[in-house]
Amino acid sequence: MTNNPYNKAKELLVEASSDFGFLASANNISNYKRVWARDGVICGLAALLDGDTTLVSTFKKTLITLADHQHNLGHIPSNVYYGKSGVELSFGGLAGRVDTISWFIIGVANYVHFTGDTEFLDEMIPKINRGLWLLNAWEFNNNHLIYVPRSGNWADEYITEGHTFYDQVLRLWALRTINHLTPKIEYQEKINIVTKKLVINYKSGTHNNVFHPKAYSKMPESKFWQASITPSGYQNMFDAFGNSLAIFLELGETSFRNKVIQYSEVLRKKLPLGLLPAFWDPIKKGDKQWDLLENNCKYEFRNYPYTFHNGGTWQMVNSFYGVSIVENNSINAQQVLSNIEALNEVEDYAFYENFNTKTKEPNGVPKCTWSASGQVMLSQYLKGKKLLK
């Protein structure tokens, strides 16, 4: 391949391909040389948009690995490791991972949509339905919003918990994709009610029958979708991933989506990297929530202000933001892609996991496949390719 940003990203996906699917990193660092649910699916979505048959085949292996190790209650593993002593499964660290089920369903549905492999869909339907059943159970109060423990999703060392917006929107995407392939009344009914719950509850307004009336009545005018609803009220930090997925799915009124994009563009353009931080504003020592953040790690603390989830910049997250605004403003989406490429090129295409938003220094694991995958996805979207949503 020639030495350009797109081909370098593809080269990393090839390098991180294994007999069991995509690995989270091509480097054998920590526990990243494993097949991860969300990382593997994001790699697979990039492979589908690119169309490389070898990479698409690796995506199918990823999905098979995840399906083969589904818990009998419906959990999809956070990651799967094939070692000399056998297979090791993880369903989460300090808390179980909720978002893996939705990512798995999104992956299967998009794979079938692009390849036409309906036999594979038939094999996966029982596993998909088992996962959807478990997501229903995780509502706990049958109110159509999943309850997520702290550390229960991709932001595994951050403080979000409760009815996190990101997980609700991701589940909605999963429901939409499977309903597109195998339409069912129960799927559509769930889509309708979850959509209504999200539109009513996660931004300010004058709605009745809201989930948390006391907290809702105190909410200031929203510039974006709120990060979560807990029994104690709203977590109102800006969640770039959740808001990007909501724009992508065209959730709610056009006027509010435009308001979210306007807020995002102002924030993105005022920061040194020209990209969105994962969550904003950063939590700092002395803030009310600092102790929650500082103690939420299994080994070492990484969420210093402007790093990792605490205001750090992730190329993967920004790729979904770029994808979400392509049709609204392709010029800004191209700027996002250029800035992602600039970060991925640091240290001779090291494809770091994320960057310090303030100092612009790289953080996390190098050769991170979802950093490369996001770049591929956004590149293809700018060429007119689209995922099933």
Protein backbone atom coordinates (compact mmCIF):
# COMPACT_ATOMS: atom_id res chain seq x y z
CA MET A 1 0.00 0.00 0.00
CA THR A 2 1.10 3.56 -0.63
CA ASN A 3 2.14 5.73 2.29
CA ASN A 4 -0.99 7.81 2.88
CA PRO A 5 -3.21 8.15 5.98
CA TYR A 6 -6.06 5.97 4.71
CA ASN A 7 -3.84 3.10 3.65
CA LYS A 8 -1.88 3.30 6.89
CA ALA A 9 -5.14 2.88 8.78
CA LYS A 10 -6.04 -0.15 6.67
CA GLU A 11 -2.61 -1.62 7.20
CA LEU A 12 -3.17 -1.53 10.95
CA LEU A 13 -6.48 -3.37 10.58
CA VAL A 14 -4.71 -6.04 8.55
CA GLU A 15 -1.91 -6.26 11.11
CA ALA A 16 -4.41 -6.64 13.97
CA SER A 17 -6.42 -9.36 12.22
CA SER A 18 -6.34 -12.79 13.85
CA ASP A 19 -7.95 -16.19 13.32
CA PHE A 20 -10.57 -15.17 15.86
CA GLY A 21 -11.26 -11.61 14.69
CA PHE A 22 -9.97 -8.09 15.11
CA LEU A 23 -7.71 -7.36 18.08
CA ALA A 24 -7.99 -4.06 19.95
CA SER A 25 -4.30 -3.36 19.35
CA ALA A 26 -1.61 -4.82 17.14
CA ASN A 27 0.77 -4.45 20.10
CA ASN A 28 0.81 -7.01 22.90
CA ILE A 29 0.16 -4.44 25.61
CA SER A 30 -1.93 -5.02 28.73
CA ASN A 31 -5.11 -6.85 27.67
CA TYR A 32 -5.51 -5.19 24.28
CA LYS A 33 -4.37 -8.18 22.21
CA ARG A 34 -7.83 -9.65 22.54
CA VAL A 35 -11.06 -9.67 20.57
CA TRP A 36 -13.13 -6.93 22.18
CA ALA A 37 -16.83 -6.49 21.48
CA ARG A 38 -17.06 -2.75 20.86
CA ASP A 39 -13.56 -2.40 19.36
CA GLY A 40 -14.10 -5.39 17.09
CA VAL A 41 -17.47 -4.20 15.84
CA ILE A 42 -16.18 -0.70 15.12
CA CYS A 43 -13.30 -2.27 13.17
CA GLY A 44 -15.88 -4.37 11.34
CA LEU A 45 -18.05 -1.39 10.43
CA ALA A 46 -14.96 0.22 8.90
CA ALA A 47 -14.23 -3.00 7.01
CA LEU A 48 -17.75 -3.11 5.60
CA LEU A 49 -17.59 0.48 4.41
CA ASP A 50 -14.18 -0.11 2.84
CA GLY A 51 -15.30 -3.36 1.20
CA ASP A 52 -12.03 -5.29 1.55
CA THR A 53 -13.16 -8.93 1.48
CA THR A 54 -10.36 -10.14 3.75
CA LEU A 55 -11.20 -7.55 6.40
CA VAL A 56 -14.91 -8.33 6.06
CA SER A 57 -14.08 -12.00 6.63
CA THR A 58 -12.16 -11.05 9.77
CA PHE A 59 -15.23 -9.16 10.96
CA LYS A 60 -17.34 -12.29 10.59
CA LYS A 61 -14.78 -14.16 12.71
CA THR A 62 -15.08 -11.40 15.32
CA LEU A 63 -18.84 -11.80 15.48
CA ILE A 64 -18.58 -15.60 15.67
CA THR A 65 -16.09 -15.33 18.53
CA LEU A 66 -18.43 -13.06 20.47
CA ALA A 67 -21.48 -15.21 19.72
CA ASP A 68 -19.75 -18.46 20.64
CA HIS A 69 -18.96 -17.09 24.09
CA GLN A 70 -22.27 -15.43 24.85
CA HIS A 71 -23.32 -16.08 28.45
CA ASN A 72 -26.40 -18.27 28.79
CA LEU A 73 -28.21 -15.28 30.29
CA GLY A 74 -27.49 -13.18 27.19
CA HIS A 75 -24.32 -11.20 28.03
CA ILE A 76 -21.89 -10.62 25.18
CA PRO A 77 -18.27 -10.73 26.43
CA SER A 78 -16.38 -7.51 26.85
CA ASN A 79 -13.37 -9.36 25.45
CA VAL A 80 -12.15 -12.83 24.56
CA TYR A 81 -8.55 -14.00 24.81
CA TYR A 82 -7.14 -17.11 23.17
CA GLY A 83 -3.98 -18.08 25.04
CA LYS A 84 -1.78 -21.11 25.52
CA SER A 85 -3.78 -22.15 28.57
CA GLY A 86 -7.13 -21.83 26.80
CA VAL A 87 -9.85 -19.24 26.36
CA GLU A 88 -10.23 -16.41 28.86
CA LEU A 89 -13.48 -14.42 28.98
CA SER A 90 -14.19 -11.05 30.54
CA PHE A 91 -17.65 -9.57 30.92
CA GLY A 92 -16.23 -6.47 32.60
CA GLY A 93 -13.84 -5.35 35.32
CA LEU A 94 -15.12 -3.45 38.37
CA ALA A 95 -18.58 -3.65 36.81
CA GLY A 96 -20.17 -5.61 33.99
CA ARG A 97 -20.33 -4.08 30.52
CA VAL A 98 -23.80 -3.24 29.22
CA ASP A 99 -22.99 -1.81 25.78
CA THR A 100 -21.46 -5.00 24.34
CA ILE A 101 -24.87 -6.48 23.53
CA SER A 102 -25.95 -3.50 21.46
CA TRP A 103 -22.61 -3.34 19.62
CA PHE A 104 -22.89 -7.05 18.80
CA ILE A 105 -26.38 -6.63 17.33
CA ILE A 106 -25.33 -3.55 15.34
CA GLY A 107 -22.37 -5.53 14.01
CA VAL A 108 -24.38 -8.58 12.96
CA ALA A 109 -27.09 -6.51 11.31
CA ASN A 110 -24.65 -4.37 9.35
CA TYR A 111 -22.62 -7.42 8.31
CA VAL A 112 -25.74 -9.10 6.92
CA HIS A 113 -26.94 -5.88 5.31
CA PHE A 114 -23.67 -5.43 3.41
CA THR A 115 -22.97 -9.08 2.55
CA GLY A 116 -26.45 -10.55 2.13
CA ASP A 117 -25.41 -13.50 4.32
CA THR A 118 -28.90 -14.40 5.52
CA GLU A 119 -27.82 -17.84 6.73
CA PHE A 120 -25.54 -16.13 9.22
CA LEU A 121 -28.45 -13.95 10.35
CA ASP A 122 -30.58 -17.06 10.95
CA GLU A 123 -27.79 -18.46 13.15
CA MET A 124 -27.49 -15.22 15.11
CA ILE A 125 -31.18 -14.42 15.68
CA PRO A 126 -31.51 -16.57 18.84
CA LYS A 127 -28.41 -14.90 20.29
CA ILE A 128 -29.67 -11.44 19.33
CA ASN A 129 -33.04 -12.07 20.95
CA ARG A 130 -31.38 -13.40 24.10
CA GLY A 131 -29.34 -10.20 24.26
CA LEU A 132 -32.39 -8.00 23.73
CA TRP A 133 -34.21 -9.93 26.47
CA LEU A 134 -31.37 -9.21 28.88
CA LEU A 135 -31.38 -5.51 27.97
CA ASN A 136 -35.10 -5.48 28.82
CA ALA A 137 -34.30 -7.11 32.16
CA TRP A 138 -31.66 -4.47 32.84
CA GLU A 139 -34.35 -1.82 32.81
CA PHE A 140 -35.23 -3.21 36.26
CA ASN A 141 -38.36 -1.06 36.55
CA ASN A 142 -39.81 -1.85 33.09
CA ASN A 143 -39.67 1.82 32.16
CA HIS A 144 -37.84 1.27 28.85
CA LEU A 145 -34.51 2.82 29.92
CA ILE A 146 -31.55 0.55 30.70
CA TYR A 147 -29.87 1.07 34.07
CA VAL A 148 -26.09 1.03 33.72
CA PRO A 149 -23.65 0.72 36.63
CA ARG A 150 -20.70 3.06 36.88
CA SER A 151 -17.93 1.60 34.65
CA GLY A 152 -20.61 -0.31 32.74
CA ASN A 153 -19.77 0.86 29.23
CA TRP A 154 -16.89 2.17 27.10
CA ALA A 155 -16.19 4.96 29.62
CA ASP A 156 -15.08 2.33 32.09
CA GLU A 157 -13.16 4.60 34.47
CA TYR A 158 -15.47 7.61 34.33
CA ILE A 159 -18.32 8.58 36.68
CA THR A 160 -21.39 8.26 34.46
CA GLU A 161 -23.97 5.79 35.73
CA GLY A 162 -27.69 5.25 35.81
CA HIS A 163 -29.81 5.67 32.71
CA THR A 164 -26.85 6.75 30.58
CA PHE A 165 -27.82 8.40 27.32
CA TYR A 166 -25.08 6.72 25.27
CA ASP A 167 -26.34 3.24 26.15
CA GLN A 168 -29.97 4.12 25.41
CA VAL A 169 -29.12 5.52 21.98
CA LEU A 170 -26.86 2.56 21.20
CA ARG A 171 -29.67 0.16 22.07
CA LEU A 172 -32.02 2.15 19.84
CA TRP A 173 -29.55 1.76 16.96
CA ALA A 174 -29.40 -1.98 17.61
CA LEU A 175 -33.18 -2.30 17.63
CA ARG A 176 -33.51 -0.33 14.41
CA THR A 177 -30.95 -2.43 12.56
CA ILE A 178 -32.42 -5.80 13.48
CA ASN A 179 -35.94 -4.56 12.79
CA HIS A 180 -34.78 -3.47 9.33
CA LEU A 181 -33.64 -7.01 8.51
CA THR A 182 -36.38 -8.98 10.28
CA PRO A 183 -39.29 -6.64 10.96
CA LYS A 184 -41.39 -7.55 14.00
CA ILE A 185 -44.21 -5.73 15.75
CA GLU A 186 -42.47 -6.10 19.13
CA TYR A 187 -39.26 -4.58 17.76
CA GLN A 188 -41.11 -1.62 16.28
CA GLU A 189 -43.14 -1.03 19.43
CA LYS A 190 -39.97 -0.97 21.50
CA ILE A 191 -38.30 1.40 19.02
CA ASN A 192 -41.25 3.78 19.24
CA ILE A 193 -41.41 3.90 23.02
CA VAL A 194 -37.62 4.12 23.56
CA THR A 195 -37.46 6.97 21.02
CA LYS A 196 -40.22 8.82 22.85
CA LYS A 197 -38.52 8.28 26.22
CA LEU A 198 -35.26 9.72 24.93
CA VAL A 199 -36.80 12.76 23.24
CA ILE A 200 -38.84 13.65 26.33
CA ASN A 201 -36.36 12.98 29.13
CA TYR A 202 -32.83 13.95 28.08
CA LYS A 203 -33.30 17.61 27.20
CA SER A 204 -35.24 20.50 28.68
CA GLY A 205 -38.85 21.12 27.72
CA THR A 206 -42.38 21.16 29.03
CA HIS A 207 -43.26 17.48 28.78
CA ASN A 208 -45.53 15.57 31.14
CA ASN A 209 -44.95 12.06 32.48
CA VAL A 210 -41.17 12.46 32.55
CA PHE A 211 -38.93 9.90 34.23
CA HIS A 212 -37.62 12.13 37.05
CA PRO A 213 -40.09 15.03 37.47
CA LYS A 214 -38.22 16.83 40.27
CA ALA A 215 -34.88 16.83 38.46
CA TYR A 216 -36.53 17.63 35.13
CA SER A 217 -38.25 20.71 36.56
CA LYS A 218 -34.85 22.15 37.58
CA MET A 219 -33.07 21.53 34.29
CA PRO A 220 -31.75 24.66 32.56
CA GLU A 221 -32.25 25.07 28.83
CA SER A 222 -30.35 22.27 27.11
CA LYS A 223 -27.69 22.80 24.46
CA PHE A 224 -27.18 19.03 24.09
CA TRP A 225 -28.58 15.72 25.30
CA GLN A 226 -27.87 15.16 29.01
CA ALA A 227 -25.37 12.41 29.83
CA SER A 228 -27.51 10.41 32.25
CA ILE A 229 -30.48 10.28 34.60
CA THR A 230 -29.82 8.82 38.05
CA PRO A 231 -32.15 8.51 41.05
CA SER A 232 -30.39 11.63 42.39
CA GLY A 233 -30.99 13.67 39.24
CA TYR A 234 -29.24 14.45 35.97
CA GLN A 235 -25.59 14.06 35.11
CA ASN A 236 -25.39 17.03 32.76
CA MET A 237 -21.85 16.90 31.35
CA PHE A 238 -21.47 16.91 27.57
CA ASP A 239 -21.08 13.34 26.31
CA ALA A 240 -19.63 13.55 22.79
CA PHE A 241 -20.21 9.89 21.93
CA GLY A 242 -23.85 9.81 23.05
CA ASN A 243 -24.67 13.09 21.34
CA SER A 244 -22.90 12.02 18.13
CA LEU A 245 -24.92 8.80 17.99
CA ALA A 246 -28.13 10.78 18.55
CA ILE A 247 -27.31 13.09 15.63
CA PHE A 248 -26.38 10.06 13.53
CA LEU A 249 -29.74 8.42 14.25
CA GLU A 250 -31.57 11.73 13.62
CA LEU A 251 -33.13 11.57 17.06
CA GLY A 252 -35.60 14.28 17.95
CA GLU A 253 -36.36 17.55 16.22
CA THR A 254 -34.07 18.92 13.51
CA SER A 255 -33.86 22.21 15.37
CA PHE A 256 -32.45 20.55 18.49
CA ARG A 257 -29.98 18.44 16.50
CA ASN A 258 -28.75 21.65 14.90
CA LYS A 259 -28.35 23.17 18.36
CA VAL A 260 -26.23 20.18 19.44
CA ILE A 261 -24.08 20.50 16.31
CA GLN A 262 -23.69 24.24 16.92
CA TYR A 263 -22.53 23.62 20.50
CA SER A 264 -20.18 20.86 19.33
CA GLU A 265 -18.62 22.99 16.62
CA VAL A 266 -17.99 25.91 18.95
CA LEU A 267 -16.38 23.59 21.50
CA ARG A 268 -14.36 21.69 18.89
CA LYS A 269 -12.96 24.79 17.24
CA LYS A 270 -11.90 26.49 20.48
CA LEU A 271 -9.82 23.50 21.66
CA PRO A 272 -6.18 22.98 20.59
CA LEU A 273 -6.74 19.69 18.75
CA GLY A 274 -9.79 20.89 16.82
CA LEU A 275 -11.73 17.82 17.99
CA LEU A 276 -14.31 17.03 20.65
CA PRO A 277 -13.33 15.79 24.12
CA ALA A 278 -15.01 12.58 25.29
CA PHE A 279 -16.75 14.36 28.19
CA TRP A 280 -16.75 18.06 29.03
CA ASP A 281 -16.06 19.97 31.29
CA PRO A 282 -13.13 18.12 32.89
CA ILE A 283 -13.55 17.14 36.54
CA LYS A 284 -10.76 18.65 38.64
CA LYS A 285 -9.36 18.02 42.10
CA GLY A 286 -11.57 19.80 44.59
CA ASP A 287 -14.71 19.35 42.48
CA LYS A 288 -17.62 17.57 44.13
CA GLN A 289 -17.22 14.52 41.86
CA TRP A 290 -13.43 14.18 42.06
CA ASP A 291 -13.41 11.42 44.70
CA LEU A 292 -15.79 9.31 42.64
CA LEU A 293 -13.52 9.67 39.64
CA GLU A 294 -10.21 9.17 41.44
CA ASN A 295 -11.32 5.91 43.07
CA ASN A 296 -12.89 4.43 39.95
CA CYS A 297 -9.92 2.48 38.63
CA LYS A 298 -8.77 -1.09 39.11
CA TYR A 299 -5.02 -0.58 38.74
CA GLU A 300 -3.82 2.97 38.13
CA PHE A 301 -5.56 6.32 37.93
CA ARG A 302 -5.53 7.77 34.42
CA ASN A 303 -8.39 10.26 34.35
CA TYR A 304 -6.49 13.42 35.18
CA PRO A 305 -8.15 16.57 33.79
CA TYR A 306 -8.02 16.70 29.97
CA THR A 307 -6.97 13.03 29.70
CA PHE A 308 -8.73 9.77 28.87
CA HIS A 309 -12.48 10.05 29.50
CA ASN A 310 -12.08 13.13 31.70
CA GLY A 311 -11.89 15.65 28.88
CA GLY A 312 -9.43 13.67 26.77
CA THR A 313 -9.74 13.48 22.98
CA TRP A 314 -10.44 10.15 21.26
CA GLN A 315 -10.12 9.83 17.50
CA MET A 316 -12.72 7.04 17.53
CA VAL A 317 -15.35 9.20 19.22
CA ASN A 318 -14.67 12.05 16.80
CA SER A 319 -15.08 9.74 13.84
CA PHE A 320 -18.67 9.08 14.91
CA TYR A 321 -19.19 12.80 15.32
CA GLY A 322 -17.81 13.39 11.84
CA VAL A 323 -20.04 10.66 10.40
CA SER A 324 -23.05 12.21 12.14
CA ILE A 325 -22.54 15.66 10.54
CA VAL A 326 -21.50 14.62 7.00
CA GLU A 327 -24.91 15.32 5.53
CA ASN A 328 -25.37 18.47 7.62
CA ASN A 329 -21.96 20.00 6.90
CA SER A 330 -19.44 18.03 4.86
CA ILE A 331 -16.84 20.84 5.17
CA ASN A 332 -16.77 20.54 8.95
CA ALA A 333 -16.76 16.73 8.66
CA GLN A 334 -13.71 16.99 6.41
CA GLN A 335 -12.02 19.19 9.01
CA VAL A 336 -12.73 16.56 11.65
CA LEU A 337 -11.22 13.87 9.44
CA SER A 338 -8.09 15.93 8.79
CA ASN A 339 -7.62 16.48 12.52
CA ILE A 340 -8.13 12.77 13.24
CA GLU A 341 -5.54 11.91 10.61
CA ALA A 342 -3.09 14.36 12.17
CA LEU A 343 -3.38 12.60 15.54
CA ASN A 344 -3.14 9.13 14.03
CA GLU A 345 0.04 10.16 12.19
CA VAL A 346 1.87 11.15 15.40
CA GLU A 347 5.11 9.17 15.92
CA ASP A 348 5.08 7.70 12.42
CA TYR A 349 1.47 6.51 12.46
CA ALA A 350 1.38 5.20 16.03
CA PHE A 351 -2.46 5.37 16.11
CA TYR A 352 -2.60 6.19 19.81
CA GLU A 353 -5.76 5.48 21.77
CA ASN A 354 -6.40 9.11 22.77
CA PHE A 355 -4.74 12.48 23.41
CA ASN A 356 -4.48 15.06 26.15
CA THR A 357 -6.79 17.84 25.02
CA LYS A 358 -4.74 20.56 26.70
CA THR A 359 -1.12 19.52 26.06
CA LYS A 360 -1.81 17.57 22.82
CA GLU A 361 0.34 14.69 24.11
CA PRO A 362 -0.61 11.10 23.16
CA ASN A 363 -2.10 8.79 25.79
CA GLY A 364 -3.03 5.15 26.10
CA VAL A 365 -2.15 2.26 23.87
CA PRO A 366 -0.48 2.69 20.44
CA LYS A 367 -1.52 0.74 17.36
CA CYS A 368 -5.10 1.06 18.60
CA THR A 369 -7.38 -0.38 15.95
CA TRP A 370 -10.48 1.65 16.65
CA SER A 371 -8.45 4.83 16.19
CA ALA A 372 -7.65 3.56 12.69
CA SER A 373 -11.17 2.25 12.10
CA GLY A 374 -12.80 5.56 12.90
CA GLN A 375 -10.61 7.25 10.32
CA VAL A 376 -11.62 4.67 7.69
CA MET A 377 -15.30 5.04 8.55
CA LEU A 378 -15.35 8.81 8.23
CA SER A 379 -13.29 8.70 5.03
CA GLN A 380 -15.85 6.36 3.47
CA TYR A 381 -18.79 8.42 4.69
CA LEU A 382 -17.34 11.46 2.98
CA LYS A 383 -17.35 9.38 -0.22
CA GLY A 384 -21.07 8.62 0.21
CA LYS A 385 -20.99 5.21 1.90
CA LYS A 386 -23.50 4.61 4.70
CA LEU A 387 -24.09 2.16 7.53
CA LEU A 388 -27.42 0.56 8.33
CA LYS A 389 -29.15 2.62 10.99
